Amino acid sequence: MEDEQEGLPPFVRSWKQLYWLVAANLVALILLFAWFTNAFS
């Protein structure tokens, strides 16, 4: 079990949680850039 957590950053407990964090970050960036595009076009 310890081998599965090797290489994880200290703020996540599992790879699944890290993948969700990355996906949520991607969605947030897409929404932010879409808002910038609409606001400044």
PDB file of N, CA and C in Angstrom:
ATOM      1  N   MET A   1       0.826  -1.194   0.000  1.00  0.00           N
ATOM      2  CA  MET A   1       0.000   0.000   0.000  1.00  0.00           C
ATOM      3  C   MET A   1       0.871   1.259   0.000  1.00  0.00           C
ATOM      4  N   GLU A   2       1.981   1.202   0.687  1.00  0.00           N
ATOM      5  CA  GLU A   2       2.874   2.359   0.738  1.00  0.00           C
ATOM      6  C   GLU A   2       3.463   2.668  -0.630  1.00  0.00           C
ATOM      7  N   ASP A   3       3.680   1.627  -1.464  1.00  0.00           N
ATOM      8  CA  ASP A   3       4.244   1.842  -2.791  1.00  0.00           C
ATOM      9  C   ASP A   3       3.304   2.646  -3.679  1.00  0.00           C
ATOM     10  N   GLU A   4       1.985   2.502  -3.487  1.00  0.00           N
ATOM     11  CA  GLU A   4       1.022   3.243  -4.294  1.00  0.00           C
ATOM     12  C   GLU A   4       1.090   4.737  -4.022  1.00  0.00           C
ATOM     13  N   GLN A   5       1.462   5.120  -2.817  1.00  0.00           N
ATOM     14  CA  GLN A   5       1.481   6.532  -2.450  1.00  0.00           C
ATOM     15  C   GLN A   5       2.838   7.181  -2.687  1.00  0.00           C
ATOM     16  N   GLU A   6       3.770   6.424  -3.201  1.00  0.00           N
ATOM     17  CA  GLU A   6       5.086   6.977  -3.476  1.00  0.00           C
ATOM     18  C   GLU A   6       4.990   7.976  -4.622  1.00  0.00           C
ATOM     19  N   GLY A   7       5.554   9.149  -4.433  1.00  0.00           N
ATOM     20  CA  GLY A   7       5.534  10.172  -5.453  1.00  0.00           C
ATOM     21  C   GLY A   7       4.367  11.140  -5.361  1.00  0.00           C
ATOM     22  N   LEU A   8       3.458  10.918  -4.422  1.00  0.00           N
ATOM     23  CA  LEU A   8       2.326  11.830  -4.245  1.00  0.00           C
ATOM     24  C   LEU A   8       2.769  13.090  -3.516  1.00  0.00           C
ATOM     25  N   PRO A   9       2.195  14.244  -3.888  1.00  0.00           N
ATOM     26  CA  PRO A   9       2.464  15.445  -3.098  1.00  0.00           C
ATOM     27  C   PRO A   9       1.866  15.302  -1.693  1.00  0.00           C
ATOM     28  N   PRO A  10       2.348  16.064  -0.728  1.00  0.00           N
ATOM     29  CA  PRO A  10       1.885  15.886   0.657  1.00  0.00           C
ATOM     30  C   PRO A  10       0.445  16.335   0.911  1.00  0.00           C
ATOM     31  N   PHE A  11      -0.170  17.084  -0.015  1.00  0.00           N
ATOM     32  CA  PHE A  11      -1.523  17.601   0.244  1.00  0.00           C
ATOM     33  C   PHE A  11      -2.641  16.717  -0.302  1.00  0.00           C
ATOM     34  N   VAL A  12      -2.312  15.571  -0.877  1.00  0.00           N
ATOM     35  CA  VAL A  12      -3.330  14.617  -1.325  1.00  0.00           C
ATOM     36  C   VAL A  12      -3.059  13.263  -0.704  1.00  0.00           C
ATOM     37  N   ARG A  13      -4.118  12.479  -0.562  1.00  0.00           N
ATOM     38  CA  ARG A  13      -3.972  11.165   0.082  1.00  0.00           C
ATOM     39  C   ARG A  13      -3.943  10.019  -0.916  1.00  0.00           C
ATOM     40  N   SER A  14      -4.442  10.251  -2.143  1.00  0.00           N
ATOM     41  CA  SER A  14      -4.488   9.161  -3.118  1.00  0.00           C
ATOM     42  C   SER A  14      -4.326   9.730  -4.526  1.00  0.00           C
ATOM     43  N   TRP A  15      -4.024   8.847  -5.463  1.00  0.00           N
ATOM     44  CA  TRP A  15      -3.898   9.266  -6.856  1.00  0.00           C
ATOM     45  C   TRP A  15      -5.237   9.744  -7.404  1.00  0.00           C
ATOM     46  N   LYS A  16      -6.325   9.090  -6.982  1.00  0.00           N
ATOM     47  CA  LYS A  16      -7.655   9.500  -7.450  1.00  0.00           C
ATOM     48  C   LYS A  16      -7.945  10.943  -7.038  1.00  0.00           C
ATOM     49  N   GLN A  17      -7.607  11.296  -5.805  1.00  0.00           N
ATOM     50  CA  GLN A  17      -7.819  12.660  -5.330  1.00  0.00           C
ATOM     51  C   GLN A  17      -6.967  13.645  -6.128  1.00  0.00           C
ATOM     52  N   LEU A  18      -5.747  13.264  -6.465  1.00  0.00           N
ATOM     53  CA  LEU A  18      -4.876  14.127  -7.260  1.00  0.00           C
ATOM     54  C   LEU A  18      -5.454  14.331  -8.651  1.00  0.00           C
ATOM     55  N   TYR A  19      -5.974  13.268  -9.271  1.00  0.00           N
ATOM     56  CA  TYR A  19      -6.569  13.393 -10.603  1.00  0.00           C
ATOM     57  C   TYR A  19      -7.787  14.304 -10.582  1.00  0.00           C
ATOM     58  N   TRP A  20      -8.622  14.212  -9.543  1.00  0.00           N
ATOM     59  CA  TRP A  20      -9.787  15.088  -9.413  1.00  0.00           C
ATOM     60  C   TRP A  20      -9.339  16.537  -9.249  1.00  0.00           C
ATOM     61  N   LEU A  21      -8.285  16.755  -8.492  1.00  0.00           N
ATOM     62  CA  LEU A  21      -7.762  18.101  -8.292  1.00  0.00           C
ATOM     63  C   LEU A  21      -7.259  18.694  -9.610  1.00  0.00           C
ATOM     64  N   VAL A  22      -6.557  17.907 -10.390  1.00  0.00           N
ATOM     65  CA  VAL A  22      -6.056  18.370 -11.682  1.00  0.00           C
ATOM     66  C   VAL A  22      -7.215  18.670 -12.631  1.00  0.00           C
ATOM     67  N   ALA A  23      -8.229  17.795 -12.667  1.00  0.00           N
ATOM     68  CA  ALA A  23      -9.387  18.008 -13.537  1.00  0.00           C
ATOM     69  C   ALA A  23     -10.157  19.259 -13.114  1.00  0.00           C
ATOM     70  N   ALA A  24     -10.339  19.466 -11.821  1.00  0.00           N
ATOM     71  CA  ALA A  24     -11.050  20.659 -11.339  1.00  0.00           C
ATOM     72  C   ALA A  24     -10.266  21.925 -11.675  1.00  0.00           C
ATOM     73  N   ASN A  25      -8.961  21.859 -11.575  1.00  0.00           N
ATOM     74  CA  ASN A  25      -8.122  22.992 -11.938  1.00  0.00           C
ATOM     75  C   ASN A  25      -8.265  23.310 -13.424  1.00  0.00           C
ATOM     76  N   LEU A  26      -8.297  22.300 -14.266  1.00  0.00           N
ATOM     77  CA  LEU A  26      -8.465  22.498 -15.696  1.00  0.00           C
ATOM     78  C   LEU A  26      -9.811  23.160 -16.008  1.00  0.00           C
ATOM     79  N   VAL A  27     -10.867  22.684 -15.392  1.00  0.00           N
ATOM     80  CA  VAL A  27     -12.199  23.265 -15.605  1.00  0.00           C
ATOM     81  C   VAL A  27     -12.215  24.720 -15.142  1.00  0.00           C
ATOM     82  N   ALA A  28     -11.612  25.000 -13.996  1.00  0.00           N
ATOM     83  CA  ALA A  28     -11.572  26.374 -13.482  1.00  0.00           C
ATOM     84  C   ALA A  28     -10.817  27.292 -14.440  1.00  0.00           C
ATOM     85  N   LEU A  29      -9.712  26.828 -14.993  1.00  0.00           N
ATOM     86  CA  LEU A  29      -8.960  27.647 -15.938  1.00  0.00           C
ATOM     87  C   LEU A  29      -9.744  27.896 -17.223  1.00  0.00           C
ATOM     88  N   ILE A  30     -10.427  26.882 -17.722  1.00  0.00           N
ATOM     89  CA  ILE A  30     -11.234  27.041 -18.936  1.00  0.00           C
ATOM     90  C   ILE A  30     -12.328  28.073 -18.701  1.00  0.00           C
ATOM     91  N   LEU A  31     -13.009  27.983 -17.557  1.00  0.00           N
ATOM     92  CA  LEU A  31     -14.067  28.951 -17.247  1.00  0.00           C
ATOM     93  C   LEU A  31     -13.496  30.360 -17.078  1.00  0.00           C
ATOM     94  N   LEU A  32     -12.358  30.480 -16.434  1.00  0.00           N
ATOM     95  CA  LEU A  32     -11.723  31.780 -16.248  1.00  0.00           C
ATOM     96  C   LEU A  32     -11.341  32.403 -17.587  1.00  0.00           C
ATOM     97  N   PHE A  33     -10.734  31.621 -18.461  1.00  0.00           N
ATOM     98  CA  PHE A  33     -10.337  32.150 -19.765  1.00  0.00           C
ATOM     99  C   PHE A  33     -11.544  32.473 -20.638  1.00  0.00           C
ATOM    100  N   ALA A  34     -12.609  31.715 -20.529  1.00  0.00           N
ATOM    101  CA  ALA A  34     -13.839  32.020 -21.261  1.00  0.00           C
ATOM    102  C   ALA A  34     -14.420  33.345 -20.764  1.00  0.00           C
ATOM    103  N   TRP A  35     -14.395  33.545 -19.458  1.00  0.00           N
ATOM    104  CA  TRP A  35     -14.887  34.802 -18.903  1.00  0.00           C
ATOM    105  C   TRP A  35     -14.029  35.976 -19.370  1.00  0.00           C
ATOM    106  N   PHE A  36     -12.699  35.814 -19.347  1.00  0.00           N
ATOM    107  CA  PHE A  36     -11.805  36.864 -19.849  1.00  0.00           C
ATOM    108  C   PHE A  36     -12.098  37.183 -21.310  1.00  0.00           C
ATOM    109  N   THR A  37     -12.324  36.163 -22.106  1.00  0.00           N
ATOM    110  CA  THR A  37     -12.599  36.361 -23.525  1.00  0.00           C
ATOM    111  C   THR A  37     -13.874  37.177 -23.717  1.00  0.00           C
ATOM    112  N   ASN A  38     -14.908  36.838 -22.975  1.00  0.00           N
ATOM    113  CA  ASN A  38     -16.171  37.567 -23.095  1.00  0.00           C
ATOM    114  C   ASN A  38     -16.076  38.977 -22.511  1.00  0.00           C
ATOM    115  N   ALA A  39     -15.336  39.137 -21.443  1.00  0.00           N
ATOM    116  CA  ALA A  39     -15.260  40.437 -20.781  1.00  0.00           C
ATOM    117  C   ALA A  39     -14.429  41.447 -21.575  1.00  0.00           C
ATOM    118  N   PHE A  40     -13.413  40.991 -22.266  1.00  0.00           N
ATOM    119  CA  PHE A  40     -12.483  41.909 -22.930  1.00  0.00           C
ATOM    120  C   PHE A  40     -12.539  41.852 -24.450  1.00  0.00           C
ATOM    121  N   SER A  41     -13.610  41.283 -24.988  1.00  0.00           N
ATOM    122  CA  SER A  41     -13.708  41.252 -26.454  1.00  0.00           C
ATOM    123  C   SER A  41     -14.633  42.339 -26.966  1.00  0.00           C
TER     124      SER A  41
END
